[in-house]
């Protein structure tokens, strides 16, 4: 219960600080994201330092971060990108990375995080439309305008 109380206090405090920083600097940051990520990073650091902590709280916060990144990225997909496919691939991959961190399975955490980053890059690359197709579409639109 102590870990949960400290995590909530950290989350609220870091969120408030990030909100103030974003208001003063105009950086496009999500204060809640900073609060959550800062809190789980602090819990990981405390765990590595040998402090006792509830791994359940760490797992929940990591899961929140995975879902936050997946949703944020889904909202910014390039035209023609499939949000469902992105989410279907990214959620399990990010969850495996989170599990690797909590279970201290470093190779799983690293490989899954790399796969997650690769997925994010693949879904970021804009799909190029061939010039002939866009020209054909433009011609068709012009013919339809003159039709009636």
C-alpha atoms as a PDB file:
ATOM      1  CA  UNK A   1       0.000   0.000   0.000  1.00  0.00           C
ATOM      2  CA  UNK A   2       2.931   2.307   0.676  1.00  0.00           C
ATOM      3  CA  UNK A   3       4.167   1.898  -2.905  1.00  0.00           C
ATOM      4  CA  UNK A   4       0.739   2.825  -4.234  1.00  0.00           C
ATOM      5  CA  UNK A   5       0.470   5.923  -2.054  1.00  0.00           C
ATOM      6  CA  UNK A   6       3.961   7.075  -3.028  1.00  0.00           C
ATOM      7  CA  UNK A   7       3.256   6.361  -6.700  1.00  0.00           C
ATOM      8  CA  UNK A   8       0.047   8.418  -6.630  1.00  0.00           C
ATOM      9  CA  UNK A   9       1.818  11.290  -4.872  1.00  0.00           C
ATOM     10  CA  UNK A  10       4.664  11.124  -7.396  1.00  0.00           C
ATOM     11  CA  UNK A  11       2.285  10.967 -10.332  1.00  0.00           C
ATOM     12  CA  UNK A  12       0.338  13.998  -9.142  1.00  0.00           C
ATOM     13  CA  UNK A  13       3.465  15.957  -8.252  1.00  0.00           C
ATOM     14  CA  UNK A  14       5.279  15.238 -11.519  1.00  0.00           C
ATOM     15  CA  UNK A  15       2.122  15.944 -13.510  1.00  0.00           C
ATOM     16  CA  UNK A  16       1.791  19.331 -11.797  1.00  0.00           C
ATOM     17  CA  UNK A  17       5.429  20.200 -12.412  1.00  0.00           C
ATOM     18  CA  UNK A  18       5.183  19.138 -16.067  1.00  0.00           C
ATOM     19  CA  UNK A  19       1.997  21.173 -16.476  1.00  0.00           C
ATOM     20  CA  UNK A  20       3.722  24.274 -15.096  1.00  0.00           C
ATOM     21  CA  UNK A  21       6.758  23.660 -17.298  1.00  0.00           C
ATOM     22  CA  UNK A  22       4.575  23.281 -20.384  1.00  0.00           C
ATOM     23  CA  UNK A  23       2.767  26.536 -19.598  1.00  0.00           C
ATOM     24  CA  UNK A  24       6.032  28.431 -19.203  1.00  0.00           C
ATOM     25  CA  UNK A  25       7.942  26.946 -22.127  1.00  0.00           C
ATOM     26  CA  UNK A  26       5.248  26.077 -24.671  1.00  0.00           C
ATOM     27  CA  UNK A  27       6.709  22.615 -25.100  1.00  0.00           C
ATOM     28  CA  UNK A  28       4.170  20.208 -26.573  1.00  0.00           C
ATOM     29  CA  UNK A  29       4.248  17.700 -23.721  1.00  0.00           C
ATOM     30  CA  UNK A  30       1.511  15.748 -22.022  1.00  0.00           C
ATOM     31  CA  UNK A  31       1.830  16.434 -18.281  1.00  0.00           C
ATOM     32  CA  UNK A  32       0.058  13.193 -17.343  1.00  0.00           C
ATOM     33  CA  UNK A  33       2.424  11.205 -19.567  1.00  0.00           C
ATOM     34  CA  UNK A  34       5.398  12.846 -17.860  1.00  0.00           C
ATOM     35  CA  UNK A  35       3.881  12.076 -14.455  1.00  0.00           C
ATOM     36  CA  UNK A  36       3.265   8.416 -15.267  1.00  0.00           C
ATOM     37  CA  UNK A  37       6.623   7.831 -16.989  1.00  0.00           C
ATOM     38  CA  UNK A  38       8.532   9.697 -14.306  1.00  0.00           C
ATOM     39  CA  UNK A  39       6.831   7.660 -11.608  1.00  0.00           C
ATOM     40  CA  UNK A  40       7.532   4.259 -13.134  1.00  0.00           C
ATOM     41  CA  UNK A  41      11.105   5.326 -13.897  1.00  0.00           C
ATOM     42  CA  UNK A  42      11.503   6.285 -10.242  1.00  0.00           C
ATOM     43  CA  UNK A  43      10.016   2.981  -9.113  1.00  0.00           C
ATOM     44  CA  UNK A  44      12.422   1.093 -11.381  1.00  0.00           C
ATOM     45  CA  UNK A  45      15.346   3.077  -9.995  1.00  0.00           C
ATOM     46  CA  UNK A  46      14.212   2.394  -6.426  1.00  0.00           C
ATOM     47  CA  UNK A  47      13.859  -1.295  -7.212  1.00  0.00           C
ATOM     48  CA  UNK A  48      17.379  -1.429  -8.708  1.00  0.00           C
ATOM     49  CA  UNK A  49      18.681   0.360  -5.611  1.00  0.00           C
ATOM     50  CA  UNK A  50      17.265  -2.445  -3.472  1.00  0.00           C
ATOM     51  CA  UNK A  51      14.277  -0.663  -1.951  1.00  0.00           C
ATOM     52  CA  UNK A  52      11.253  -2.867  -1.366  1.00  0.00           C
ATOM     53  CA  UNK A  53       8.337  -1.999  -3.625  1.00  0.00           C
ATOM     54  CA  UNK A  54       5.168  -3.532  -4.965  1.00  0.00           C
ATOM     55  CA  UNK A  55       5.825  -4.680  -8.537  1.00  0.00           C
ATOM     56  CA  UNK A  56       2.086  -4.587  -9.235  1.00  0.00           C
ATOM     57  CA  UNK A  57       2.111  -0.780  -9.113  1.00  0.00           C
ATOM     58  CA  UNK A  58       5.083  -0.714 -11.476  1.00  0.00           C
ATOM     59  CA  UNK A  59       3.308  -3.082 -13.875  1.00  0.00           C
ATOM     60  CA  UNK A  60       0.146  -0.964 -13.891  1.00  0.00           C
ATOM     61  CA  UNK A  61       2.061   2.235 -14.624  1.00  0.00           C
ATOM     62  CA  UNK A  62       4.065   0.585 -17.401  1.00  0.00           C
ATOM     63  CA  UNK A  63       0.814  -0.684 -18.920  1.00  0.00           C
ATOM     64  CA  UNK A  64      -0.641   2.818 -18.777  1.00  0.00           C
ATOM     65  CA  UNK A  65       2.415   4.136 -20.627  1.00  0.00           C
ATOM     66  CA  UNK A  66       2.170   1.434 -23.291  1.00  0.00           C
ATOM     67  CA  UNK A  67      -1.487   2.223 -23.923  1.00  0.00           C
ATOM     68  CA  UNK A  68      -0.815   5.951 -23.873  1.00  0.00           C
ATOM     69  CA  UNK A  69       1.899   5.685 -26.520  1.00  0.00           C
ATOM     70  CA  UNK A  70      -0.220   3.341 -28.639  1.00  0.00           C
ATOM     71  CA  UNK A  71      -3.217   5.685 -28.555  1.00  0.00           C
ATOM     72  CA  UNK A  72      -1.108   8.799 -29.138  1.00  0.00           C
ATOM     73  CA  UNK A  73       0.550   7.172 -32.137  1.00  0.00           C
ATOM     74  CA  UNK A  74      -2.782   5.872 -33.490  1.00  0.00           C
ATOM     75  CA  UNK A  75      -4.081   9.434 -33.594  1.00  0.00           C
ATOM     76  CA  UNK A  76      -1.095  10.482 -35.697  1.00  0.00           C
ATOM     77  CA  UNK A  77      -0.966   7.718 -38.283  1.00  0.00           C
ATOM     78  CA  UNK A  78      -0.245   8.748 -41.819  1.00  0.00           C
ATOM     79  CA  UNK A  79      -3.101   8.755 -44.258  1.00  0.00           C
ATOM     80  CA  UNK A  80      -4.016   5.206 -45.150  1.00  0.00           C
ATOM     81  CA  UNK A  81      -2.449   3.736 -41.999  1.00  0.00           C
ATOM     82  CA  UNK A  82      -4.552   1.213 -40.130  1.00  0.00           C
ATOM     83  CA  UNK A  83      -5.124   2.191 -36.505  1.00  0.00           C
ATOM     84  CA  UNK A  84      -6.488  -1.278 -35.757  1.00  0.00           C
ATOM     85  CA  UNK A  85      -3.403  -3.003 -37.176  1.00  0.00           C
ATOM     86  CA  UNK A  86      -1.093  -0.604 -35.315  1.00  0.00           C
ATOM     87  CA  UNK A  87      -2.896  -1.229 -32.021  1.00  0.00           C
ATOM     88  CA  UNK A  88      -3.129  -5.005 -32.582  1.00  0.00           C
ATOM     89  CA  UNK A  89       0.635  -5.217 -33.086  1.00  0.00           C
ATOM     90  CA  UNK A  90       1.827  -2.517 -30.682  1.00  0.00           C
ATOM     91  CA  UNK A  91      -0.155  -3.439 -27.558  1.00  0.00           C
ATOM     92  CA  UNK A  92       1.226  -6.995 -27.254  1.00  0.00           C
ATOM     93  CA  UNK A  93       4.729  -5.857 -28.189  1.00  0.00           C
ATOM     94  CA  UNK A  94       4.717  -3.017 -25.669  1.00  0.00           C
ATOM     95  CA  UNK A  95       3.172  -5.272 -23.042  1.00  0.00           C
ATOM     96  CA  UNK A  96       5.957  -7.809 -23.540  1.00  0.00           C
ATOM     97  CA  UNK A  97       8.518  -5.032 -23.030  1.00  0.00           C
ATOM     98  CA  UNK A  98       6.739  -3.939 -19.845  1.00  0.00           C
ATOM     99  CA  UNK A  99       6.599  -7.520 -18.600  1.00  0.00           C
ATOM    100  CA  UNK A 100      10.313  -7.911 -19.289  1.00  0.00           C
ATOM    101  CA  UNK A 101      11.045  -4.847 -17.153  1.00  0.00           C
ATOM    102  CA  UNK A 102       8.860  -5.975 -14.254  1.00  0.00           C
ATOM    103  CA  UNK A 103      10.075  -9.587 -14.366  1.00  0.00           C
ATOM    104  CA  UNK A 104      13.684  -8.442 -14.858  1.00  0.00           C
ATOM    105  CA  UNK A 105      13.977 -10.428 -18.083  1.00  0.00           C
ATOM    106  CA  UNK A 106      16.306  -7.962 -19.754  1.00  0.00           C
ATOM    107  CA  UNK A 107      16.613  -9.675 -23.126  1.00  0.00           C
ATOM    108  CA  UNK A 108      12.807  -9.842 -23.452  1.00  0.00           C
ATOM    109  CA  UNK A 109      12.487  -6.204 -22.382  1.00  0.00           C
ATOM    110  CA  UNK A 110      15.156  -5.058 -24.849  1.00  0.00           C
ATOM    111  CA  UNK A 111      13.951  -7.103 -27.824  1.00  0.00           C
ATOM    112  CA  UNK A 112      10.330  -6.142 -27.253  1.00  0.00           C
ATOM    113  CA  UNK A 113      11.197  -2.456 -26.852  1.00  0.00           C
ATOM    114  CA  UNK A 114      13.198  -2.584 -30.090  1.00  0.00           C
ATOM    115  CA  UNK A 115      10.305  -4.326 -31.874  1.00  0.00           C
ATOM    116  CA  UNK A 116       7.923  -1.677 -30.506  1.00  0.00           C
ATOM    117  CA  UNK A 117      10.180   1.109 -31.789  1.00  0.00           C
ATOM    118  CA  UNK A 118      10.480  -0.597 -35.180  1.00  0.00           C
ATOM    119  CA  UNK A 119       6.689  -0.866 -35.407  1.00  0.00           C
ATOM    120  CA  UNK A 120       6.379   2.817 -34.563  1.00  0.00           C
ATOM    121  CA  UNK A 121       8.815   3.652 -37.368  1.00  0.00           C
ATOM    122  CA  UNK A 122       7.018   1.417 -39.851  1.00  0.00           C
ATOM    123  CA  UNK A 123       3.704   3.057 -39.085  1.00  0.00           C
ATOM    124  CA  UNK A 124       5.270   6.505 -39.291  1.00  0.00           C
ATOM    125  CA  UNK A 125       6.589   6.215 -42.830  1.00  0.00           C
ATOM    126  CA  UNK A 126       4.139   7.986 -45.137  1.00  0.00           C
ATOM    127  CA  UNK A 127       2.795   5.882 -47.919  1.00  0.00           C
ATOM    128  CA  UNK A 128       3.787   7.333 -51.256  1.00  0.00           C
ATOM    129  CA  UNK A 129       1.068   7.615 -53.863  1.00  0.00           C
ATOM    130  CA  UNK A 130       2.363   7.197 -57.407  1.00  0.00           C
ATOM    131  CA  UNK A 131       2.117  10.404 -59.419  1.00  0.00           C
ATOM    132  CA  UNK A 132       0.128   8.682 -62.166  1.00  0.00           C
ATOM    133  CA  UNK A 133      -2.589   7.758 -59.685  1.00  0.00           C
ATOM    134  CA  UNK A 134      -2.934  11.277 -58.304  1.00  0.00           C
ATOM    135  CA  UNK A 135      -2.978  12.675 -61.850  1.00  0.00           C
ATOM    136  CA  UNK A 136      -5.640  10.156 -62.840  1.00  0.00           C
ATOM    137  CA  UNK A 137      -7.717  11.115 -59.811  1.00  0.00           C
ATOM    138  CA  UNK A 138      -7.404  14.804 -60.692  1.00  0.00           C
ATOM    139  CA  UNK A 139      -8.507  14.144 -64.264  1.00  0.00           C
ATOM    140  CA  UNK A 140     -11.476  12.111 -63.087  1.00  0.00           C
ATOM    141  CA  UNK A 141     -12.495  14.864 -60.671  1.00  0.00           C
ATOM    142  CA  UNK A 142     -12.356  17.436 -63.489  1.00  0.00           C
ATOM    143  CA  UNK A 143     -14.470  15.262 -65.779  1.00  0.00           C
ATOM    144  CA  UNK A 144     -17.045  14.782 -63.032  1.00  0.00           C
ATOM    145  CA  UNK A 145     -17.243  18.541 -62.460  1.00  0.00           C
ATOM    146  CA  UNK A 146     -17.891  19.146 -66.180  1.00  0.00           C
ATOM    147  CA  UNK A 147     -20.326  16.266 -66.486  1.00  0.00           C
ATOM    148  CA  UNK A 148     -23.581  17.955 -65.604  1.00  0.00           C
END
